[in-house]
Protein backbone atom coordinates (compact mmCIF):
# COMPACT_ATOMS: atom_id res chain seq x y z
CA MET A 1 171.42 60.08 103.91
CA ASN A 2 174.52 61.93 102.79
CA VAL A 3 176.74 63.33 105.48
CA VAL A 4 177.70 66.23 103.22
CA ASP A 5 175.23 68.38 101.32
CA ILE A 6 177.09 68.45 98.02
CA ARG A 7 174.89 71.14 96.52
CA THR A 8 175.66 73.53 99.39
CA LEU A 9 179.33 72.60 99.19
CA ALA A 10 179.38 73.29 95.45
CA LEU A 11 177.72 76.67 95.98
CA ALA A 12 180.26 77.50 98.71
CA ALA A 13 183.10 76.55 96.37
CA SER A 14 181.68 78.78 93.63
CA ILE A 15 181.33 81.71 96.07
CA SER A 16 184.89 81.24 97.34
CA ALA A 17 186.09 81.26 93.72
CA GLY A 18 184.24 84.52 93.17
CA VAL A 19 185.93 86.04 96.22
CA PHE A 20 189.32 84.77 95.03
CA LEU A 21 188.63 86.31 91.62
CA LEU A 22 188.81 89.75 93.23
CA VAL A 23 192.38 89.19 94.49
CA PRO A 24 194.20 88.97 91.12
CA LEU A 25 191.93 91.67 89.67
CA MET A 26 193.01 94.10 92.38
CA LEU A 27 196.66 93.04 92.18
CA MET A 28 196.73 93.87 88.47
CA VAL A 29 196.73 97.53 89.46
CA VAL A 30 200.18 97.36 91.08
CA LEU A 31 202.10 94.91 88.88
CA ASP A 32 203.86 95.24 85.53
CA ALA A 33 202.62 93.86 82.22
CA GLU A 34 204.34 90.46 82.46
CA GLU A 35 202.96 89.68 85.91
CA ASP A 36 199.63 91.18 84.85
CA ARG A 37 199.26 88.44 82.24
CA SER A 38 199.84 85.83 84.93
CA LEU A 39 197.16 87.42 87.10
CA ARG A 40 194.70 87.45 84.21
CA TYR A 41 195.09 83.68 83.94
CA TRP A 42 194.72 83.28 87.72
CA ALA A 43 191.55 85.36 87.65
CA ALA A 44 190.15 83.54 84.63
CA GLY A 45 191.01 80.12 86.03
CA GLY A 46 189.48 80.82 89.42
CA GLY A 47 186.39 82.36 87.83
CA VAL A 48 185.79 79.44 85.48
CA LEU A 49 186.28 76.92 88.31
CA GLY A 50 183.69 78.83 90.32
CA LEU A 51 181.34 78.79 87.33
CA ALA A 52 181.86 75.05 86.95
CA SER A 53 180.95 74.45 90.60
CA LEU A 54 177.94 76.75 90.33
CA SER A 55 176.60 75.08 87.18
CA LEU A 56 177.06 71.66 88.74
CA ALA A 57 175.23 72.76 91.88
CA LEU A 58 172.34 74.24 89.94
CA TRP A 59 171.83 71.67 87.19
CA GLY A 60 174.25 68.76 87.38
CA LEU A 61 173.56 67.13 90.73
CA ASP A 62 170.18 65.83 89.56
CA GLY A 63 171.75 63.62 86.91
CA ASN A 64 171.71 66.04 83.98
CA ARG A 65 174.56 64.51 81.97
CA VAL A 66 174.90 67.42 79.58
CA ALA A 67 175.21 69.82 82.53
CA ILE A 68 177.73 67.50 84.18
CA THR A 69 179.81 67.28 81.00
CA THR A 70 179.70 71.05 80.55
CA SER A 71 180.68 71.61 84.18
CA ASN A 72 183.56 69.15 83.92
CA THR A 73 184.77 70.83 80.72
CA LEU A 74 184.68 74.22 82.44
CA ALA A 75 186.65 72.75 85.34
CA VAL A 76 189.26 71.37 82.93
CA LEU A 77 189.50 74.81 81.27
CA GLY A 78 189.79 76.52 84.66
CA LEU A 79 192.56 74.21 85.85
CA GLY A 80 194.25 74.61 82.46
CA TRP A 81 194.27 78.38 82.89
CA VAL A 82 195.62 77.95 86.42
CA TYR A 83 198.40 75.85 84.90
CA LEU A 84 199.13 78.65 82.41
CA ALA A 85 199.08 81.15 85.28
CA SER A 86 201.59 78.99 87.16
CA ARG A 87 203.90 78.97 84.14
CA ARG A 88 203.65 82.74 83.81
CA LEU A 89 204.25 83.20 87.52
CA LEU A 90 207.44 81.14 87.29
CA GLY A 91 208.66 83.01 84.21
CA LEU A 92 208.09 80.19 81.71
CA GLU A 93 206.63 80.30 78.19
CA HIS A 94 202.84 80.38 77.93
CA GLY A 95 202.24 76.67 77.11
CA LYS A 96 198.79 77.16 75.57
CA ARG A 97 199.27 74.09 73.41
CA TYR A 98 198.90 71.96 76.54
CA VAL A 99 195.45 73.35 77.41
CA TYR A 100 192.99 74.07 74.63
CA PRO A 101 193.31 70.76 72.73
CA VAL A 102 192.65 68.88 75.99
CA VAL A 103 189.62 71.05 76.73
CA ALA A 104 188.22 70.39 73.24
CA ILE A 105 188.81 66.65 73.56
CA THR A 106 187.16 66.61 77.00
CA LEU A 107 184.05 68.40 75.73
CA ILE A 108 183.64 66.41 72.52
CA SER A 109 184.41 63.05 74.09
CA GLY A 110 182.18 63.78 77.06
CA MET A 111 179.24 64.67 74.84
CA LEU A 112 179.75 61.62 72.65
CA LEU A 113 180.02 59.31 75.65
CA THR A 114 176.93 60.90 77.18
CA VAL A 115 174.92 60.02 74.08
CA ALA A 116 176.50 56.70 73.12
CA VAL A 117 177.36 55.10 76.48
CA PRO A 118 174.75 55.14 79.25
CA ASP A 119 177.38 54.07 81.79
CA SER A 120 178.93 57.09 83.50
CA LEU A 121 182.23 55.37 84.33
CA PRO A 122 184.03 56.12 81.01
CA ARG A 123 183.00 59.76 81.23
CA VAL A 124 184.13 60.01 84.87
CA VAL A 125 187.46 58.38 84.06
CA LEU A 126 188.03 60.67 81.07
CA THR A 127 187.24 63.88 82.91
CA SER A 128 189.08 62.82 86.07
CA VAL A 129 192.25 62.11 84.10
CA ALA A 130 192.00 65.51 82.40
CA LEU A 131 191.27 67.25 85.70
CA ALA A 132 194.10 65.48 87.53
CA ALA A 133 196.64 66.20 84.79
CA TYR A 134 196.82 69.97 85.23
CA PRO A 135 197.23 70.03 89.03
CA ALA A 136 199.88 67.32 88.70
CA MET A 137 201.72 69.33 86.02
CA SER A 138 201.41 72.51 88.09
CA ALA A 139 202.78 70.74 91.17
CA TRP A 140 205.74 69.56 89.13
CA LEU A 141 206.39 73.13 87.93
CA PHE A 142 206.47 74.51 91.47
CA VAL A 143 208.88 71.79 92.59
CA VAL A 144 211.24 72.09 89.61
CA HIS A 145 211.25 75.90 89.62
CA ARG A 146 211.01 76.35 93.38
CA ARG A 147 213.96 78.76 93.39
CA GLN A 148 211.79 81.35 91.67
CA LEU A 149 209.65 81.69 94.83
CA PRO A 150 210.08 81.52 98.60
CA SER A 151 210.65 77.83 99.42
CA LEU A 152 207.68 77.53 101.78
CA VAL A 153 205.33 79.06 99.21
CA ALA A 154 206.62 76.84 96.40
CA TYR A 155 206.42 73.58 98.36
CA THR A 156 203.04 74.38 99.94
CA THR A 157 201.55 75.24 96.56
CA ALA A 158 202.99 72.07 95.05
CA ALA A 159 201.51 70.02 97.91
CA ILE A 160 198.04 71.49 97.40
CA PHE A 161 198.21 70.90 93.65
CA THR A 162 199.26 67.32 94.35
CA ALA A 163 196.34 66.90 96.76
CA MET A 164 193.93 68.12 94.10
CA ALA A 165 195.31 65.68 91.55
CA GLY A 166 195.00 62.90 94.12
CA VAL A 167 191.36 63.86 94.77
CA TYR A 168 190.41 63.33 91.14
CA VAL A 169 192.26 60.03 91.06
CA ALA A 170 190.41 58.97 94.21
CA ARG A 171 187.12 59.99 92.61
CA THR A 172 187.86 57.78 89.62
CA ILE A 173 188.73 54.82 91.84
CA GLY A 174 185.60 55.34 93.94
CA PHE A 175 183.28 55.39 90.96
CA ALA A 176 185.05 52.42 89.41
CA ARG A 177 184.53 50.36 92.56
CA VAL A 178 180.85 51.22 92.65
CA VAL A 179 180.22 50.53 88.97
CA LEU A 180 182.42 47.48 88.51
CA PHE A 181 182.11 45.77 91.88
CA ASP A 182 178.90 47.24 93.26
CA ASP A 183 180.95 48.37 96.26
CA VAL A 184 178.63 50.76 98.09
CA THR A 185 181.33 51.42 100.70
CA ALA A 186 183.10 53.47 98.04
CA ALA A 187 180.46 56.18 98.73
CA PRO A 188 180.41 57.88 95.33
CA GLN A 189 178.62 60.97 96.70
CA ALA A 190 181.29 61.47 99.35
CA VAL A 191 183.98 60.98 96.74
CA SER A 192 182.23 63.53 94.52
CA SER A 193 182.33 66.09 97.33
CA LEU A 194 186.13 65.95 97.64
CA PRO A 195 186.82 68.28 94.68
CA PHE A 196 184.63 70.95 96.26
CA PHE A 197 186.50 70.63 99.56
CA ILE A 198 189.84 70.94 97.85
CA GLU A 199 188.57 73.87 95.76
CA LEU A 200 187.70 75.73 98.96
CA VAL A 201 191.24 75.13 100.23
CA PHE A 202 192.66 76.05 96.86
CA ASN A 203 190.87 79.37 96.59
CA THR A 204 192.03 80.38 100.07
CA TRP A 205 195.63 79.40 99.39
CA TRP A 206 195.72 80.95 95.91
CA ALA A 207 194.70 84.29 97.37
CA ALA A 208 197.32 84.03 100.14
CA MET A 209 200.02 82.83 97.73
CA LEU A 210 199.44 85.65 95.26
CA ALA A 211 199.43 88.21 98.06
CA ILE A 212 202.72 86.83 99.42
CA ILE A 213 204.39 86.70 96.02
CA VAL A 214 203.16 90.14 94.98
CA SER A 215 204.31 91.63 98.28
CA ALA A 216 207.74 90.03 97.90
CA ARG A 217 208.10 91.25 94.32
CA ILE A 218 206.97 94.75 95.15
CA GLN A 219 209.54 94.86 97.97
CA ALA A 220 212.23 93.56 95.60
CA ARG A 221 211.25 96.14 93.00
CA LEU A 222 211.38 98.94 95.59
CA ARG A 223 214.80 97.77 96.78
CA ALA A 224 216.06 97.68 93.20
CA GLU A 225 214.68 101.15 92.49
CA ARG A 226 216.19 102.47 95.74
CA ASP A 227 219.58 100.97 94.87
CA ARG A 228 219.35 102.39 91.36
CA ALA A 229 218.47 105.83 92.73
CA ALA A 230 221.42 105.66 95.12
CA GLU A 231 223.72 104.68 92.25
CA ILE A 232 222.43 107.56 90.12
CA ASN A 233 222.97 109.97 93.01
CA ARG A 234 226.54 108.73 93.40
CA GLU A 235 227.13 109.21 89.67
CA LEU A 236 225.65 112.72 89.79
CA LEU A 237 227.83 113.58 92.77
CA VAL A 238 230.94 112.46 90.88
CA LEU A 239 229.90 114.44 87.78
CA SER A 240 229.22 117.56 89.82
CA THR A 241 232.58 117.48 91.62
CA THR A 242 234.96 116.07 89.01
CA ASP A 243 236.60 117.54 85.94
CA PRO A 244 235.52 115.34 83.02
CA LEU A 245 238.87 115.67 81.22
CA THR A 246 241.38 114.88 83.95
CA ALA A 247 239.09 113.19 86.50
CA LEU A 248 240.53 115.56 89.11
CA ALA A 249 238.39 117.51 91.56
CA ASN A 250 236.85 120.61 89.98
CA ARG A 251 236.58 124.11 91.47
CA ASN A 252 233.44 123.29 93.47
CA ARG A 253 235.07 120.24 95.03
CA VAL A 254 238.31 122.11 95.74
CA ASP A 255 236.40 124.91 97.48
CA GLU A 256 234.46 122.35 99.50
CA VAL A 257 237.56 120.45 100.61
CA LEU A 258 239.49 123.64 101.41
CA GLY A 259 236.60 124.96 103.48
CA LEU A 260 236.31 121.67 105.38
CA GLN A 261 240.04 121.40 106.03
CA SER A 262 240.23 125.08 107.05
CA ARG A 263 237.53 124.56 109.68
CA ARG A 264 239.25 121.43 110.98
CA ALA A 265 242.63 123.24 111.19
CA SER A 266 241.03 126.15 113.05
CA ALA A 267 239.30 123.80 115.47
CA ARG A 268 242.55 121.97 116.20
CA GLY A 269 244.65 125.14 116.31
CA VAL A 270 247.07 123.94 113.65
CA PRO A 271 248.20 125.65 110.43
CA LEU A 272 246.83 124.61 107.02
CA SER A 273 249.17 124.33 104.05
CA VAL A 274 248.15 124.24 100.38
CA ILE A 275 250.44 123.38 97.45
CA MET A 276 249.48 124.61 93.96
CA ALA A 277 251.14 123.38 90.78
CA ASP A 278 251.01 125.09 87.42
CA VAL A 279 252.25 124.31 83.92
CA ASP A 280 254.43 127.09 82.58
CA HIS A 281 253.62 128.50 79.18
CA PHE A 282 250.82 125.97 78.60
CA LYS A 283 249.10 128.39 76.23
CA ARG A 284 251.93 127.79 73.74
CA VAL A 285 251.04 124.09 73.62
CA ASN A 286 247.47 124.92 72.67
CA ASP A 287 248.55 127.56 70.17
CA GLU A 288 251.20 125.45 68.42
CA PHE A 289 249.69 121.97 68.55
CA GLY A 290 245.97 122.60 69.04
CA HIS A 291 243.60 122.11 71.93
CA PRO A 292 243.20 118.30 71.47
CA VAL A 293 246.94 117.89 72.03
CA GLY A 294 246.68 120.28 74.97
CA ASP A 295 243.98 118.06 76.43
CA GLU A 296 246.25 115.02 76.08
CA VAL A 297 249.04 116.86 77.84
CA LEU A 298 246.71 117.74 80.71
CA VAL A 299 245.56 114.15 81.02
């Protein structure tokens, strides 16, 4: 008797993926176009992984090799899209060339092996390598580009990706021991349940990670917009109180300063003195040499 009901676990993993799918879909409303593309890949990857678990639970656990191959191919595609989402999230180029050829090879090779080789070990090894590759590559991305995210988020995400890659490697080793050495202690059913466990953890963390990152980026965007608004207000204040030719205070600013200083002098009971300077016969400069020269003289 199996300790874990794999069918129920697979259904739970597919449901959790469906719930996770809602997170990036809702976050698309508040993010810009570049981050929106990343969220589309997160949503697509999570959705396809959920579909892979669902199809395996419904048709693949009874030994339907075509269903198993299809489910594994969907899982490879889902993890590939998650890898693309990770690249987008970290501000890297799309990297599609690393995904679709591998998905095609997984599907074609899996179908051929299903027909030509009754033994399931080559198919398990092939799909496990493909499935382990993307989490491993994603983990590497989050470690190398950790400065793009909060350190705890980057390292935790990398650790979970690494755990997922390790699960598929462990699944390969478990099946190999059973097939090659007839080692029943390898418990192939228990090994098969590990990806569903890790998918449940993954879906929960993905949702939390995206929420944390989106919150941080929204806060950063708001701070940047607030700083920009403050800078614009400072510029407008200078323009409204400064003569554009000489950069001296204009009439509005002079009246403001005189009013302020007059009130201060009255409050302190001290006199207020003002010195005014004028340029004698400045009109002659404009008349004889032109207003541009007059402007230079004023400057």
